């Protein structure tokens, strides 16, 4: 094989899968295209989109609590009046009420009551009598419930819950991407071993042909021919084992993408693996981190719970005002009556729970949740910092190792070339030539494995910073598909 072709294959920049009789025709895709297909197919990822939409609806539910509420009732009854006279009563009542953002409550009330007694209680009282009341009532909390904390906190909690659901979605996406990166790197390693073994086979065949010519001329012994034959068979057996491992990696990738198990696949070279400014890495890691988003959400929920507990602990003191009109009409022996009067009033309502232990315990529990969230946030921030530092250190170490192995490969190539020259001159034996070829092959393989390791570190950095998702489209919400699956 040509060195340039082997280099691209081993480095994992072009991972080709085309095993005759095992895999179908290979489709060429970049790593990001593979990731997009995984995102489009993976059922558990699609389900997170429904959870995000469900969380978004919670804000609408909270907003609707400030809407107008209509209440109506009506009925008839037969009973004794205050003076013991049998009477029939027809009553109709209705109200239209809503809670304002300020915490106050506004209601419009109407009531119609018609009473018909069997005999008149007094000649001055109408019988039947119709009483109509129309009024507006306004209730303003002065302590508990002032500024409508229930609504404000519920609205904040709905927004926090939406962010928490988004963080859970991001966490699941990162988990799948981590699995995909591992399979991709495993596939690249297997392919590099295949390319390395194929080149070793080429060397062994070349040496075998050379020994065969020397053997025919009586210049090589039979043991030399047997040694190189055994080496060649060993390489061919290794190649078959590696190809089977390659197929398993392809099937694993196809499963993630929802493709046919035996569909072939070629991974293209990434155009820009990882672009970054080291000074901006940690803020970007923190901005992307689902774990940090989750713990921040927990902290906000705990603080909202503290606010709600403190409000619940207050005494209830409400100011209630009402203003309206009351009409009383009907017939009397002396004539018809139709009285109308403007009515109104102002009152204060006070309520206090004498046992405060429940409120104190609720407040203390919310404070404990806050302390726990703060501690967890410190741990998450520390973990993110050290994870980033570890990957950056790995990247630098791998680069140094690559340079060292590149020098080693160059040295091994020179050593093998010298050994081949001395072998043709009869100044060394086959054992040493085979040994030097194996050492060169091992050095080349180690170099390419380190290049794959560098690619893996860069992909993990892309994942940690969220750069991996910059070009990926999340699946659209499809309610029709969910209904069809029922």
Protein backbone atom coordinates (compact mmCIF):
# COMPACT_ATOMS: atom_id res chain seq x y z
CA UNK A 1 0.00 0.00 0.00
CA UNK A 2 1.10 3.55 -0.62
CA UNK A 3 2.33 5.39 2.47
CA UNK A 4 -0.01 8.36 1.93
CA UNK A 5 -3.05 6.11 1.69
CA UNK A 6 -1.99 4.17 4.77
CA UNK A 7 -1.42 7.40 6.69
CA UNK A 8 -4.94 8.69 6.01
CA UNK A 9 -6.52 5.37 6.84
CA UNK A 10 -4.59 4.77 10.05
CA UNK A 11 -5.03 8.30 11.34
CA UNK A 12 -8.76 7.79 11.26
CA UNK A 13 -9.22 10.75 8.94
CA UNK A 14 -10.69 8.42 6.33
CA UNK A 15 -12.23 5.32 7.89
CA UNK A 16 -13.40 3.13 5.03
CA UNK A 17 -15.64 0.14 5.48
CA UNK A 18 -16.11 -2.08 2.44
CA UNK A 19 -15.72 -5.72 3.34
CA UNK A 20 -16.73 -7.86 0.34
CA UNK A 21 -19.65 -10.15 1.06
CA UNK A 22 -20.12 -8.64 4.52
CA UNK A 23 -21.05 -4.98 4.15
CA UNK A 24 -23.17 -3.35 1.48
CA UNK A 25 -22.04 -0.42 -0.64
CA UNK A 26 -20.43 2.22 1.59
CA UNK A 27 -22.00 5.66 2.00
CA UNK A 28 -19.57 8.50 2.68
CA UNK A 29 -20.43 10.77 5.62
CA UNK A 30 -18.57 13.18 7.85
CA UNK A 31 -18.57 12.67 11.59
CA UNK A 32 -21.06 15.52 12.03
CA UNK A 33 -23.35 13.98 9.42
CA UNK A 34 -23.26 10.70 11.32
CA UNK A 35 -24.08 12.57 14.52
CA UNK A 36 -26.99 14.32 12.78
CA UNK A 37 -28.41 10.98 11.63
CA UNK A 38 -28.08 9.61 15.16
CA UNK A 39 -29.94 12.65 16.52
CA UNK A 40 -32.67 12.28 13.90
CA UNK A 41 -33.17 8.59 14.61
CA UNK A 42 -32.51 7.94 18.30
CA UNK A 43 -35.95 7.48 19.96
CA UNK A 44 -34.89 8.53 23.46
CA UNK A 45 -33.58 11.80 22.05
CA UNK A 46 -36.83 12.51 20.24
CA UNK A 47 -38.76 11.89 23.45
CA UNK A 48 -36.87 14.70 25.18
CA UNK A 49 -38.34 17.17 22.70
CA UNK A 50 -41.83 16.30 23.98
CA UNK A 51 -40.67 16.87 27.54
CA UNK A 52 -39.29 20.30 26.60
CA UNK A 53 -42.58 21.24 24.94
CA UNK A 54 -44.49 19.94 27.97
CA UNK A 55 -42.40 22.13 30.27
CA UNK A 56 -43.06 25.14 28.01
CA UNK A 57 -46.82 24.65 28.43
CA UNK A 58 -46.44 25.06 32.21
CA UNK A 59 -45.80 28.79 31.76
CA UNK A 60 -49.06 29.09 29.83
CA UNK A 61 -50.89 27.32 32.66
CA UNK A 62 -49.48 29.77 35.20
CA UNK A 63 -50.42 32.78 33.05
CA UNK A 64 -53.97 31.47 32.77
CA UNK A 65 -54.46 31.68 36.54
CA UNK A 66 -54.85 35.46 36.13
CA UNK A 67 -57.73 35.03 33.71
CA UNK A 68 -61.34 35.84 34.46
CA UNK A 69 -63.37 33.17 36.26
CA UNK A 70 -67.12 32.93 35.70
CA UNK A 71 -69.37 31.51 38.40
CA UNK A 72 -73.14 31.13 38.20
CA UNK A 73 -75.81 29.36 40.19
CA UNK A 74 -79.58 29.26 40.41
CA UNK A 75 -82.36 27.34 42.15
CA UNK A 76 -85.82 27.22 43.67
CA UNK A 77 -86.89 26.32 47.20
CA UNK A 78 -89.99 25.98 49.38
CA UNK A 79 -89.42 26.84 53.04
CA UNK A 80 -90.72 28.77 56.02
CA UNK A 81 -89.95 32.43 56.16
CA UNK A 82 -88.54 34.19 59.21
CA UNK A 83 -92.05 34.64 60.53
CA UNK A 84 -93.14 31.04 59.90
CA UNK A 85 -95.04 31.72 56.72
CA UNK A 86 -94.62 29.16 53.91
CA UNK A 87 -92.85 30.71 50.93
CA UNK A 88 -91.40 29.84 47.53
CA UNK A 89 -88.04 31.34 46.55
CA UNK A 90 -86.31 31.63 43.19
CA UNK A 91 -82.63 32.67 43.31
CA UNK A 92 -80.17 33.49 40.52
CA UNK A 93 -76.58 34.55 41.24
CA UNK A 94 -73.42 35.05 39.22
CA UNK A 95 -69.97 36.54 39.50
CA UNK A 96 -67.02 37.38 37.29
CA UNK A 97 -63.72 37.44 39.16
CA UNK A 98 -59.99 37.50 38.52
CA UNK A 99 -56.75 37.85 40.46
CA UNK A 100 -54.53 40.76 39.50
CA UNK A 101 -50.75 40.64 39.16
CA UNK A 102 -50.52 42.86 42.23
CA UNK A 103 -52.12 40.13 44.32
CA UNK A 104 -55.45 41.91 44.65
CA UNK A 105 -58.69 40.19 43.70
CA UNK A 106 -61.47 41.89 41.74
CA UNK A 107 -64.98 40.51 41.38
CA UNK A 108 -68.23 41.67 39.82
CA UNK A 109 -71.31 40.14 41.49
CA UNK A 110 -75.00 39.97 40.64
CA UNK A 111 -77.82 38.43 42.66
CA UNK A 112 -81.58 38.22 42.02
CA UNK A 113 -83.88 36.81 44.72
CA UNK A 114 -87.68 36.51 44.32
CA UNK A 115 -89.81 35.37 47.29
CA UNK A 116 -93.54 34.56 47.18
CA UNK A 117 -95.29 33.81 50.53
CA UNK A 118 -98.70 32.21 50.96
CA UNK A 119 -99.91 35.25 52.88
CA UNK A 120 -98.53 38.72 53.47
CA UNK A 121 -96.46 39.08 56.58
CA UNK A 122 -97.13 42.81 56.76
CA UNK A 123 -99.15 45.22 54.62
CA UNK A 124 -96.00 47.34 54.24
CA UNK A 125 -93.89 44.52 52.83
CA UNK A 126 -94.19 43.51 49.19
CA UNK A 127 -95.38 40.03 48.35
CA UNK A 128 -94.07 38.65 46.08
CA UNK A 129 -90.80 40.57 46.60
CA UNK A 130 -87.83 40.81 44.21
CA UNK A 131 -84.42 41.87 45.51
CA UNK A 132 -81.61 42.68 43.04
CA UNK A 133 -78.02 43.36 44.05
CA UNK A 134 -75.17 44.48 41.78
CA UNK A 135 -71.77 45.23 43.28
CA UNK A 136 -68.03 45.27 42.70
CA UNK A 137 -65.69 43.88 45.33
CA UNK A 138 -61.95 44.54 45.67
CA UNK A 139 -59.70 42.58 48.06
CA UNK A 140 -56.14 43.77 48.66
CA UNK A 141 -53.70 41.62 50.71
CA UNK A 142 -51.57 43.79 52.99
CA UNK A 143 -49.24 41.11 54.40
CA UNK A 144 -49.52 37.49 53.25
CA UNK A 145 -50.03 37.41 49.50
CA UNK A 146 -49.01 41.04 48.94
CA UNK A 147 -47.48 41.52 45.45
CA UNK A 148 -48.88 38.11 44.47
CA UNK A 149 -45.84 35.94 45.39
CA UNK A 150 -47.68 32.74 44.48
CA UNK A 151 -48.05 33.83 40.87
CA UNK A 152 -44.54 35.30 40.60
CA UNK A 153 -42.92 32.20 42.12
CA UNK A 154 -45.03 29.82 40.03
CA UNK A 155 -44.05 31.73 36.89
CA UNK A 156 -40.36 31.63 37.87
CA UNK A 157 -40.58 27.94 38.70
CA UNK A 158 -42.16 27.20 35.32
CA UNK A 159 -39.30 28.98 33.57
CA UNK A 160 -36.76 27.14 35.73
CA UNK A 161 -38.44 23.82 35.01
CA UNK A 162 -38.23 24.54 31.30
CA UNK A 163 -34.49 25.15 31.64
CA UNK A 164 -34.10 21.99 33.72
CA UNK A 165 -35.85 19.99 31.02
CA UNK A 166 -33.55 21.55 28.45
CA UNK A 167 -30.55 20.61 30.58
CA UNK A 168 -31.80 17.03 30.81
CA UNK A 169 -32.18 17.00 27.03
CA UNK A 170 -28.63 18.32 26.60
CA UNK A 171 -27.33 15.69 29.01
CA UNK A 172 -28.95 12.89 27.01
CA UNK A 173 -27.56 14.31 23.79
CA UNK A 174 -24.08 14.46 25.32
CA UNK A 175 -24.38 10.85 26.49
CA UNK A 176 -25.26 9.65 23.00
CA UNK A 177 -22.48 11.77 21.49
CA UNK A 178 -19.99 10.31 23.98
CA UNK A 179 -21.06 6.82 22.93
CA UNK A 180 -20.71 7.78 19.27
CA UNK A 181 -17.22 9.24 19.79
CA UNK A 182 -16.09 6.05 21.53
CA UNK A 183 -17.38 3.88 18.66
CA UNK A 184 -15.83 6.23 16.11
CA UNK A 185 -12.43 6.11 17.82
CA UNK A 186 -12.67 2.35 18.19
CA UNK A 187 -13.42 2.09 14.49
CA UNK A 188 -10.48 4.35 13.66
CA UNK A 189 -8.14 2.24 15.81
CA UNK A 190 -9.27 -0.97 14.15
CA UNK A 191 -8.84 0.56 10.72
CA UNK A 192 -5.35 1.77 11.60
CA UNK A 193 -4.44 -1.73 12.70
CA UNK A 194 -5.85 -3.12 9.43
CA UNK A 195 -3.79 -0.69 7.37
CA UNK A 196 -0.69 -1.45 9.43
CA UNK A 197 -1.21 -5.19 9.06
CA UNK A 198 -1.79 -4.87 5.31
CA UNK A 199 1.49 -3.02 4.93
CA UNK A 200 3.24 -5.68 7.04
CA UNK A 201 1.80 -8.30 4.67
CA UNK A 202 3.24 -6.40 1.70
CA UNK A 203 6.66 -6.38 3.35
CA UNK A 204 6.42 -10.08 4.22
CA UNK A 205 5.46 -11.00 0.65
CA UNK A 206 8.31 -8.94 -0.72
CA UNK A 207 10.74 -10.64 1.67
CA UNK A 208 9.23 -14.04 0.87
CA UNK A 209 9.81 -13.52 -2.86
CA UNK A 210 13.35 -12.34 -2.23
CA UNK A 211 14.16 -15.37 -0.05
CA UNK A 212 12.58 -17.70 -2.60
CA UNK A 213 14.93 -16.40 -5.30
CA UNK A 214 17.92 -16.76 -3.00
CA UNK A 215 16.76 -20.25 -1.99
CA UNK A 216 16.61 -21.33 -5.63
CA UNK A 217 20.16 -20.05 -6.03
CA UNK A 218 21.27 -21.93 -2.91
CA UNK A 219 21.98 -18.69 -1.02
CA UNK A 220 19.21 -19.07 1.62
CA UNK A 221 18.33 -21.86 3.98
CA UNK A 222 14.98 -23.59 4.30
CA UNK A 223 14.49 -22.16 7.80
CA UNK A 224 14.55 -18.65 6.31
CA UNK A 225 11.76 -19.55 3.93
CA UNK A 226 9.72 -21.16 6.75
CA UNK A 227 10.21 -18.15 9.04
CA UNK A 228 8.91 -15.61 6.57
CA UNK A 229 6.04 -17.95 5.59
CA UNK A 230 4.99 -18.21 9.25
CA UNK A 231 5.22 -14.44 9.62
CA UNK A 232 3.01 -13.94 6.55
CA UNK A 233 0.36 -16.41 7.76
CA UNK A 234 0.31 -14.73 11.16
CA UNK A 235 -0.30 -11.32 9.58
CA UNK A 236 -3.09 -12.69 7.38
CA UNK A 237 -4.81 -14.29 10.39
CA UNK A 238 -4.55 -11.01 12.30
CA UNK A 239 -6.06 -9.15 9.34
CA UNK A 240 -9.12 -11.40 9.28
CA UNK A 241 -9.67 -10.91 13.01
CA UNK A 242 -9.41 -7.15 12.62
CA UNK A 243 -11.89 -7.13 9.74
CA UNK A 244 -14.44 -8.92 11.90
CA UNK A 245 -13.93 -6.34 14.63
CA UNK A 246 -14.40 -3.66 12.00
CA UNK A 247 -17.76 -5.11 11.01
CA UNK A 248 -18.95 -5.02 14.62
CA UNK A 249 -18.05 -1.34 14.88
CA UNK A 250 -19.97 -0.59 11.68
CA UNK A 251 -23.04 -2.44 12.94
CA UNK A 252 -22.89 -0.45 16.18
CA UNK A 253 -22.81 2.82 14.24
CA UNK A 254 -25.62 1.71 11.95
CA UNK A 255 -27.73 0.85 14.96
CA UNK A 256 -27.34 4.37 16.35
CA UNK A 257 -28.30 5.84 12.97
CA UNK A 258 -31.17 3.45 12.30
CA UNK A 259 -29.55 2.08 9.13
CA UNK A 260 -29.46 -1.49 7.90
CA UNK A 261 -26.94 -3.52 9.97
CA UNK A 262 -24.78 -4.42 6.96
CA UNK A 263 -24.83 -0.97 5.35
CA UNK A 264 -21.30 0.21 4.52
CA UNK A 265 -19.93 3.47 5.82
CA UNK A 266 -17.01 5.77 5.13
CA UNK A 267 -16.14 8.60 7.54
CA UNK A 268 -14.69 11.70 5.95
CA UNK A 269 -11.90 13.79 7.38
CA UNK A 270 -13.20 16.55 9.72
CA UNK A 271 -12.68 19.96 8.16
CA UNK A 272 -12.26 21.77 11.49
CA UNK A 273 -11.91 19.42 14.42
CA UNK A 274 -11.61 21.88 17.26
CA UNK A 275 -11.37 25.65 17.12
CA UNK A 276 -10.84 27.47 20.38
CA UNK A 277 -9.29 30.27 22.34
CA UNK A 278 -7.81 28.86 25.54
CA UNK A 279 -8.81 32.00 27.46
CA UNK A 280 -12.48 31.47 26.57
CA UNK A 281 -12.69 27.72 27.05
CA UNK A 282 -13.76 27.55 30.70
CA UNK A 283 -16.62 30.09 30.34
CA UNK A 284 -17.87 28.19 27.30
CA UNK A 285 -17.64 24.86 29.14
CA UNK A 286 -19.65 26.33 32.01
CA UNK A 287 -22.20 27.81 29.63
CA UNK A 288 -22.78 24.45 27.92
CA UNK A 289 -22.61 22.14 30.94
CA UNK A 290 -25.97 20.39 31.54
CA UNK A 291 -24.85 19.52 35.06
CA UNK A 292 -24.24 23.18 35.88
CA UNK A 293 -27.56 24.18 34.32
CA UNK A 294 -29.29 21.57 36.47
CA UNK A 295 -27.69 22.65 39.73
CA UNK A 296 -28.40 26.31 38.93
CA UNK A 297 -32.04 25.36 38.38
CA UNK A 298 -32.12 23.57 41.73
CA UNK A 299 -30.68 26.66 43.39
CA UNK A 300 -33.35 28.89 41.86
CA UNK A 301 -36.12 26.49 42.92
CA UNK A 302 -34.75 26.46 46.46
CA UNK A 303 -34.63 30.26 46.61
CA UNK A 304 -38.19 30.46 45.30
CA UNK A 305 -39.26 27.96 47.92
CA UNK A 306 -37.66 30.16 50.60
CA UNK A 307 -39.62 33.16 49.29
CA UNK A 308 -42.85 31.17 49.32
CA UNK A 309 -42.20 29.85 52.85
CA UNK A 310 -41.50 33.32 54.20
CA UNK A 311 -44.72 34.64 52.69
CA UNK A 312 -46.72 31.69 54.04
CA UNK A 313 -45.37 32.46 57.54
CA UNK A 314 -46.84 35.99 57.50
CA UNK A 315 -50.16 36.88 59.08
CA UNK A 316 -53.07 37.37 56.75
CA UNK A 317 -54.36 40.94 56.69
CA UNK A 318 -56.71 41.85 53.85
CA UNK A 319 -58.53 45.07 53.10
CA UNK A 320 -61.90 44.46 51.43
CA UNK A 321 -63.95 47.18 49.71
CA UNK A 322 -67.24 46.85 47.88
CA UNK A 323 -69.57 49.23 46.08
CA UNK A 324 -72.84 48.56 44.34
CA UNK A 325 -76.60 49.03 44.11
CA UNK A 326 -79.42 47.16 45.81
CA UNK A 327 -83.02 47.24 44.57
CA UNK A 328 -86.16 45.96 46.34
CA UNK A 329 -89.43 45.89 44.44
CA UNK A 330 -92.88 44.30 44.64
CA UNK A 331 -96.60 44.86 45.33
CA UNK A 332 -98.27 45.70 48.68
CA UNK A 333 -101.93 46.34 49.61
CA UNK A 334 -100.98 50.00 49.67
CA UNK A 335 -99.42 49.95 46.21
CA UNK A 336 -96.20 49.07 44.37
CA UNK A 337 -92.74 49.52 45.92
CA UNK A 338 -89.51 50.09 44.01
CA UNK A 339 -86.66 51.11 46.31
CA UNK A 340 -83.08 51.50 45.09
CA UNK A 341 -80.02 52.36 47.18
CA UNK A 342 -76.29 52.65 46.65
CA UNK A 343 -74.49 50.27 49.00
CA UNK A 344 -70.81 49.93 49.91
CA UNK A 345 -68.41 49.19 52.67
CA UNK A 346 -64.86 48.76 53.85
CA UNK A 347 -63.51 46.14 56.23
CA UNK A 348 -60.28 44.53 57.39
CA UNK A 349 -59.87 40.77 57.73
CA UNK A 350 -57.14 39.26 59.90
CA UNK A 351 -56.03 35.65 60.30
CA UNK A 352 -53.05 34.19 62.18
CA UNK A 353 -51.94 30.63 62.82
CA UNK A 354 -50.96 30.16 66.45
CA UNK A 355 -48.71 27.14 65.84
CA UNK A 356 -45.78 28.38 63.73
CA UNK A 357 -43.69 25.20 63.81
CA UNK A 358 -44.95 23.95 60.46
CA UNK A 359 -44.04 27.23 58.75
CA UNK A 360 -40.62 27.28 60.41
CA UNK A 361 -39.91 23.67 59.36
CA UNK A 362 -40.94 24.41 55.78
CA UNK A 363 -38.63 27.44 55.67
CA UNK A 364 -35.76 25.45 57.18
CA UNK A 365 -36.22 22.66 54.60
CA UNK A 366 -36.05 25.18 51.76
CA UNK A 367 -32.86 26.66 53.24
CA UNK A 368 -31.33 23.17 53.46
CA UNK A 369 -32.15 22.60 49.79
CA UNK A 370 -30.40 25.87 48.97
CA UNK A 371 -27.27 24.93 50.95
CA UNK A 372 -27.18 21.54 49.21
CA UNK A 373 -27.50 23.15 45.78
CA UNK A 374 -24.69 25.62 46.58
CA UNK A 375 -22.40 22.76 47.65
CA UNK A 376 -23.23 20.76 44.53
CA UNK A 377 -22.60 23.80 42.35
CA UNK A 378 -19.14 24.22 43.83
CA UNK A 379 -18.42 20.56 43.07
CA UNK A 380 -19.69 20.85 39.49
CA UNK A 381 -17.60 23.96 38.84
CA UNK A 382 -14.54 22.22 40.22
CA UNK A 383 -15.18 19.11 38.13
CA UNK A 384 -15.60 21.17 34.95
CA UNK A 385 -12.36 23.04 35.60
CA UNK A 386 -10.38 19.86 36.19
CA UNK A 387 -12.01 17.99 33.29
CA UNK A 388 -11.02 20.80 30.95
CA UNK A 389 -7.51 21.00 32.38
CA UNK A 390 -7.14 17.22 32.03
CA UNK A 391 -8.18 17.24 28.37
CA UNK A 392 -5.89 20.16 27.57
CA UNK A 393 -3.00 18.38 29.29
CA UNK A 394 -3.82 15.18 27.38
CA UNK A 395 -3.82 17.13 24.13
CA UNK A 396 -0.39 18.62 24.81
CA UNK A 397 1.03 15.27 25.97
CA UNK A 398 -0.31 13.45 22.92
CA UNK A 399 1.21 16.07 20.61
CA UNK A 400 4.60 15.55 22.27
CA UNK A 401 4.18 11.77 22.00
CA UNK A 402 3.35 12.11 18.29
CA UNK A 403 6.56 14.04 17.71
CA UNK A 404 8.52 11.39 19.60
CA UNK A 405 6.95 8.52 17.65
CA UNK A 406 7.56 10.36 14.36
CA UNK A 407 11.26 10.43 15.20
CA UNK A 408 11.07 6.77 16.23
CA UNK A 409 9.48 5.77 12.90
CA UNK A 410 12.18 7.65 11.00
CA UNK A 411 14.87 5.88 13.02
CA UNK A 412 13.25 2.46 12.52
CA UNK A 413 12.97 3.04 8.77
CA UNK A 414 16.67 3.85 8.54
CA UNK A 415 17.53 0.83 10.68
CA UNK A 416 15.44 -1.49 8.49
CA UNK A 417 16.91 -0.08 5.28
CA UNK A 418 20.40 -0.70 6.62
CA UNK A 419 19.42 -4.23 7.70
CA UNK A 420 17.97 -5.00 4.24
CA UNK A 421 21.18 -3.77 2.63
CA UNK A 422 23.34 -5.92 4.93
CA UNK A 423 20.98 -8.90 4.40
CA UNK A 424 21.51 -8.72 0.64
CA UNK A 425 25.23 -8.66 1.31
CA UNK A 426 24.92 -11.72 3.56
CA UNK A 427 26.08 -9.84 6.65
CA UNK A 428 22.88 -10.42 8.72
CA UNK A 429 20.31 -13.18 9.08
CA UNK A 430 16.57 -13.44 8.47
CA UNK A 431 15.71 -13.35 12.17
CA UNK A 432 17.11 -9.86 12.58
CA UNK A 433 15.44 -8.61 9.39
CA UNK A 434 12.04 -9.91 10.55
CA UNK A 435 12.64 -8.38 13.97
CA UNK A 436 13.45 -4.97 12.50
CA UNK A 437 10.37 -5.10 10.27
CA UNK A 438 8.20 -5.88 13.29
CA UNK A 439 9.76 -2.98 15.21
CA UNK A 440 9.09 -0.57 12.34
CA UNK A 441 5.52 -1.83 12.02
CA UNK A 442 4.96 -1.36 15.76
CA UNK A 443 6.42 2.15 15.68
CA UNK A 444 4.21 3.14 12.73
CA UNK A 445 1.14 1.72 14.44
CA UNK A 446 1.92 3.54 17.69
CA UNK A 447 2.33 6.80 15.79
CA UNK A 448 -1.04 6.47 14.08
CA UNK A 449 -2.77 5.36 17.28
CA UNK A 450 -1.49 8.51 18.94
CA UNK A 451 -2.88 10.57 16.08
CA UNK A 452 -6.23 8.91 16.64
CA UNK A 453 -5.87 9.63 20.36
CA UNK A 454 -5.34 13.31 19.53
CA UNK A 455 -8.45 13.25 17.35
CA UNK A 456 -10.37 11.71 20.25
CA UNK A 457 -9.18 14.37 22.69
CA UNK A 458 -10.22 17.11 20.28
CA UNK A 459 -13.67 15.57 19.83
CA UNK A 460 -14.07 15.38 23.61
CA UNK A 461 -13.10 19.03 23.86
CA UNK A 462 -15.74 19.85 21.24
CA UNK A 463 -18.26 17.92 23.32
CA UNK A 464 -17.24 19.53 26.62
CA UNK A 465 -17.50 23.04 25.18
CA UNK A 466 -20.71 22.32 23.25
CA UNK A 467 -19.00 23.08 19.93
CA UNK A 468 -19.99 19.62 18.74
CA UNK A 469 -23.64 20.76 18.51
CA UNK A 470 -23.06 24.03 16.64
CA UNK A 471 -23.99 22.53 13.27
CA UNK A 472 -26.52 19.94 14.49
CA UNK A 473 -30.27 20.45 14.10
CA UNK A 474 -32.49 19.14 16.88
CA UNK A 475 -35.42 17.01 15.67
CA UNK A 476 -38.67 18.88 15.17
CA UNK A 477 -41.63 18.12 17.40
CA UNK A 478 -43.89 15.64 15.61
CA UNK A 479 -47.17 15.02 17.42
CA UNK A 480 -48.60 13.17 14.41
CA UNK A 481 -45.86 10.57 14.64
CA UNK A 482 -46.58 10.01 18.33
CA UNK A 483 -50.29 9.55 17.69
CA UNK A 484 -49.62 7.06 14.88
CA UNK A 485 -47.50 4.93 17.20
CA UNK A 486 -50.43 4.35 19.58
